Amino acid sequence: FTLNEVENELNNQIFYRANRQTILHPRSVEQIKSIENGKLSVLLKPTISDKNTFQINVSRYKKQEFMSWFNHEL
């Protein structure tokens, strides 16, 4: 499946398409910081198989939508 197809099948109140490569669940988010040009830096929690944290960016265009989704879930 493509990520677009998967996104269409998921509950958008539980999962969020943060960028072209990533669909998030709110429990996967460790930290959110504002960075340059109005973007967000989202630090994800490590997985069981990989103890390293992973960082993604959310564009300034999706920033408000992402924060609304994230704050509603917690």
N, C-alpha and C. Protein backbone atom coordinates (compact mmCIF):
# COMPACT_ATOMS: atom_id res chain seq x y z
N PHE A 1 0.82 -1.18 0.00
CA PHE A 1 0.00 0.00 0.00
C PHE A 1 0.87 1.25 0.00
N THR A 2 0.35 2.32 -0.59
CA THR A 2 1.04 3.60 -0.49
C THR A 2 0.64 4.26 0.83
N LEU A 3 1.40 5.25 1.24
CA LEU A 3 1.07 5.95 2.48
C LEU A 3 -0.26 6.69 2.35
N ASN A 4 -0.58 7.17 1.15
CA ASN A 4 -1.88 7.81 0.93
C ASN A 4 -3.03 6.83 1.14
N GLU A 5 -2.86 5.60 0.67
CA GLU A 5 -3.90 4.58 0.85
C GLU A 5 -4.05 4.21 2.32
N VAL A 6 -2.95 4.07 3.01
CA VAL A 6 -2.98 3.75 4.44
C VAL A 6 -3.65 4.89 5.20
N GLU A 7 -3.27 6.11 4.89
CA GLU A 7 -3.83 7.29 5.56
C GLU A 7 -5.35 7.32 5.43
N ASN A 8 -5.87 6.97 4.28
CA ASN A 8 -7.32 6.98 4.05
C ASN A 8 -8.05 5.94 4.89
N GLU A 9 -7.35 4.89 5.29
CA GLU A 9 -7.97 3.83 6.09
C GLU A 9 -7.88 4.06 7.60
N LEU A 10 -7.03 4.98 8.04
CA LEU A 10 -6.82 5.21 9.46
C LEU A 10 -7.79 6.24 10.03
N ASN A 11 -8.03 6.14 11.32
CA ASN A 11 -8.84 7.12 12.04
C ASN A 11 -8.01 8.38 12.21
N ASN A 12 -8.47 9.50 11.62
CA ASN A 12 -7.67 10.72 11.66
C ASN A 12 -7.70 11.41 13.02
N GLN A 13 -8.48 10.92 13.96
CA GLN A 13 -8.43 11.45 15.31
C GLN A 13 -7.34 10.76 16.13
N ILE A 14 -6.91 9.59 15.68
CA ILE A 14 -5.88 8.84 16.38
C ILE A 14 -4.53 8.96 15.68
N PHE A 15 -4.52 9.02 14.36
CA PHE A 15 -3.29 9.09 13.59
C PHE A 15 -3.24 10.38 12.78
N TYR A 16 -2.02 10.88 12.57
CA TYR A 16 -1.85 12.13 11.85
C TYR A 16 -0.71 12.00 10.85
N ARG A 17 -0.95 12.45 9.63
CA ARG A 17 0.08 12.46 8.59
C ARG A 17 0.91 13.73 8.77
N ALA A 18 2.06 13.60 9.38
CA ALA A 18 2.90 14.76 9.71
C ALA A 18 3.66 15.30 8.51
N ASN A 19 4.06 14.41 7.61
CA ASN A 19 4.77 14.82 6.41
C ASN A 19 4.65 13.70 5.37
N ARG A 20 5.39 13.79 4.31
CA ARG A 20 5.28 12.79 3.23
C ARG A 20 5.64 11.38 3.65
N GLN A 21 6.51 11.26 4.67
CA GLN A 21 7.02 9.95 5.05
C GLN A 21 6.45 9.39 6.34
N THR A 22 5.71 10.21 7.12
CA THR A 22 5.42 9.80 8.49
C THR A 22 3.96 9.98 8.87
N ILE A 23 3.40 8.92 9.46
CA ILE A 23 2.09 8.98 10.11
C ILE A 23 2.34 8.73 11.59
N LEU A 24 1.79 9.61 12.43
CA LEU A 24 2.07 9.56 13.86
C LEU A 24 0.87 9.16 14.70
N HIS A 25 1.17 8.55 15.83
CA HIS A 25 0.22 8.32 16.90
C HIS A 25 0.67 9.23 18.04
N PRO A 26 -0.24 9.83 18.80
CA PRO A 26 0.19 10.79 19.84
C PRO A 26 1.12 10.19 20.90
N ARG A 27 0.99 8.91 21.19
CA ARG A 27 1.87 8.30 22.19
C ARG A 27 3.30 8.12 21.69
N SER A 28 3.52 8.29 20.39
CA SER A 28 4.87 8.17 19.86
C SER A 28 5.67 9.46 19.99
N VAL A 29 5.01 10.56 20.37
CA VAL A 29 5.67 11.86 20.45
C VAL A 29 6.31 12.05 21.82
N GLU A 30 7.60 12.34 21.81
CA GLU A 30 8.36 12.59 23.03
C GLU A 30 8.40 14.08 23.35
N GLN A 31 8.66 14.91 22.33
CA GLN A 31 8.84 16.34 22.55
C GLN A 31 8.51 17.10 21.26
N ILE A 32 7.98 18.32 21.42
CA ILE A 32 7.68 19.20 20.29
C ILE A 32 8.35 20.54 20.56
N LYS A 33 9.11 21.03 19.57
CA LYS A 33 9.77 22.33 19.68
C LYS A 33 9.51 23.15 18.42
N SER A 34 9.37 24.46 18.59
CA SER A 34 9.33 25.36 17.44
C SER A 34 10.75 25.57 16.95
N ILE A 35 10.90 25.55 15.62
CA ILE A 35 12.21 25.81 15.02
C ILE A 35 12.06 26.92 13.99
N GLU A 36 13.10 27.16 13.21
CA GLU A 36 13.12 28.27 12.26
C GLU A 36 11.97 28.22 11.27
N ASN A 37 11.61 29.40 10.78
CA ASN A 37 10.58 29.58 9.76
C ASN A 37 9.21 29.04 10.16
N GLY A 38 8.93 28.97 11.45
CA GLY A 38 7.61 28.56 11.92
C GLY A 38 7.35 27.07 11.89
N LYS A 39 8.37 26.26 11.62
CA LYS A 39 8.21 24.81 11.59
C LYS A 39 8.25 24.24 13.00
N LEU A 40 7.86 22.97 13.10
CA LEU A 40 7.96 22.23 14.36
C LEU A 40 8.96 21.10 14.21
N SER A 41 9.73 20.87 15.25
CA SER A 41 10.59 19.70 15.34
C SER A 41 9.92 18.75 16.32
N VAL A 42 9.64 17.54 15.87
CA VAL A 42 8.96 16.55 16.70
C VAL A 42 9.92 15.40 16.97
N LEU A 43 10.23 15.20 18.24
CA LEU A 43 11.10 14.11 18.66
C LEU A 43 10.22 12.92 19.03
N LEU A 44 10.48 11.79 18.40
CA LEU A 44 9.68 10.59 18.62
C LEU A 44 10.35 9.68 19.64
N LYS A 45 9.55 8.96 20.39
CA LYS A 45 10.06 8.02 21.39
C LYS A 45 10.78 6.86 20.69
N PRO A 46 11.78 6.30 21.35
CA PRO A 46 12.47 5.15 20.76
C PRO A 46 11.56 3.93 20.71
N THR A 47 11.86 3.04 19.80
CA THR A 47 11.11 1.79 19.71
C THR A 47 11.83 0.70 20.49
N ILE A 48 11.18 -0.42 20.66
CA ILE A 48 11.78 -1.54 21.37
C ILE A 48 13.01 -2.05 20.61
N SER A 49 12.93 -2.11 19.30
CA SER A 49 14.04 -2.65 18.52
C SER A 49 15.15 -1.64 18.26
N ASP A 50 14.84 -0.35 18.36
CA ASP A 50 15.83 0.69 18.10
C ASP A 50 15.76 1.71 19.23
N LYS A 51 16.79 1.76 20.04
CA LYS A 51 16.78 2.62 21.23
C LYS A 51 17.06 4.09 20.92
N ASN A 52 17.32 4.41 19.66
CA ASN A 52 17.58 5.79 19.27
C ASN A 52 16.26 6.54 19.06
N THR A 53 16.26 7.81 19.42
CA THR A 53 15.10 8.64 19.14
C THR A 53 15.17 9.09 17.69
N PHE A 54 14.04 9.46 17.16
CA PHE A 54 13.93 9.87 15.76
C PHE A 54 13.29 11.24 15.73
N GLN A 55 13.79 12.12 14.90
CA GLN A 55 13.27 13.49 14.82
C GLN A 55 12.71 13.75 13.43
N ILE A 56 11.51 14.36 13.38
CA ILE A 56 10.92 14.75 12.11
C ILE A 56 10.53 16.22 12.20
N ASN A 57 10.29 16.84 11.06
CA ASN A 57 9.82 18.22 11.01
C ASN A 57 8.40 18.26 10.48
N VAL A 58 7.63 19.18 11.03
CA VAL A 58 6.28 19.46 10.55
C VAL A 58 6.33 20.87 9.97
N SER A 59 5.84 21.02 8.75
CA SER A 59 5.93 22.31 8.08
C SER A 59 5.11 23.38 8.78
N ARG A 60 5.44 24.61 8.50
CA ARG A 60 4.69 25.72 9.09
C ARG A 60 3.25 25.73 8.61
N TYR A 61 2.99 25.16 7.44
CA TYR A 61 1.63 25.10 6.91
C TYR A 61 0.76 24.09 7.66
N LYS A 62 1.37 23.07 8.22
CA LYS A 62 0.63 22.04 8.96
C LYS A 62 0.76 22.20 10.47
N LYS A 63 1.51 23.20 10.91
CA LYS A 63 1.80 23.39 12.33
C LYS A 63 0.54 23.51 13.17
N GLN A 64 -0.37 24.40 12.80
CA GLN A 64 -1.58 24.64 13.59
C GLN A 64 -2.47 23.40 13.61
N GLU A 65 -2.62 22.76 12.46
CA GLU A 65 -3.43 21.53 12.37
C GLU A 65 -2.84 20.43 13.23
N PHE A 66 -1.51 20.27 13.18
CA PHE A 66 -0.84 19.26 14.00
C PHE A 66 -1.05 19.52 15.48
N MET A 67 -0.85 20.76 15.92
CA MET A 67 -1.00 21.09 17.34
C MET A 67 -2.44 20.89 17.80
N SER A 68 -3.40 21.22 16.97
CA SER A 68 -4.81 20.98 17.32
C SER A 68 -5.07 19.50 17.48
N TRP A 69 -4.57 18.70 16.55
CA TRP A 69 -4.74 17.24 16.64
C TRP A 69 -4.05 16.71 17.90
N PHE A 70 -2.82 17.11 18.14
CA PHE A 70 -2.04 16.58 19.26
C PHE A 70 -2.66 16.97 20.58
N ASN A 71 -3.06 18.19 20.76
CA ASN A 71 -3.64 18.64 22.02
C ASN A 71 -5.00 18.01 22.28
N HIS A 72 -5.72 17.69 21.25
CA HIS A 72 -7.02 17.02 21.40
C HIS A 72 -6.83 15.59 21.90
N GLU A 73 -5.75 14.94 21.46
CA GLU A 73 -5.53 13.53 21.80
C GLU A 73 -5.05 13.32 23.24
N LEU A 74 -4.33 14.28 23.79
CA LEU A 74 -3.73 14.05 25.11
C LEU A 74 -4.66 14.39 26.24
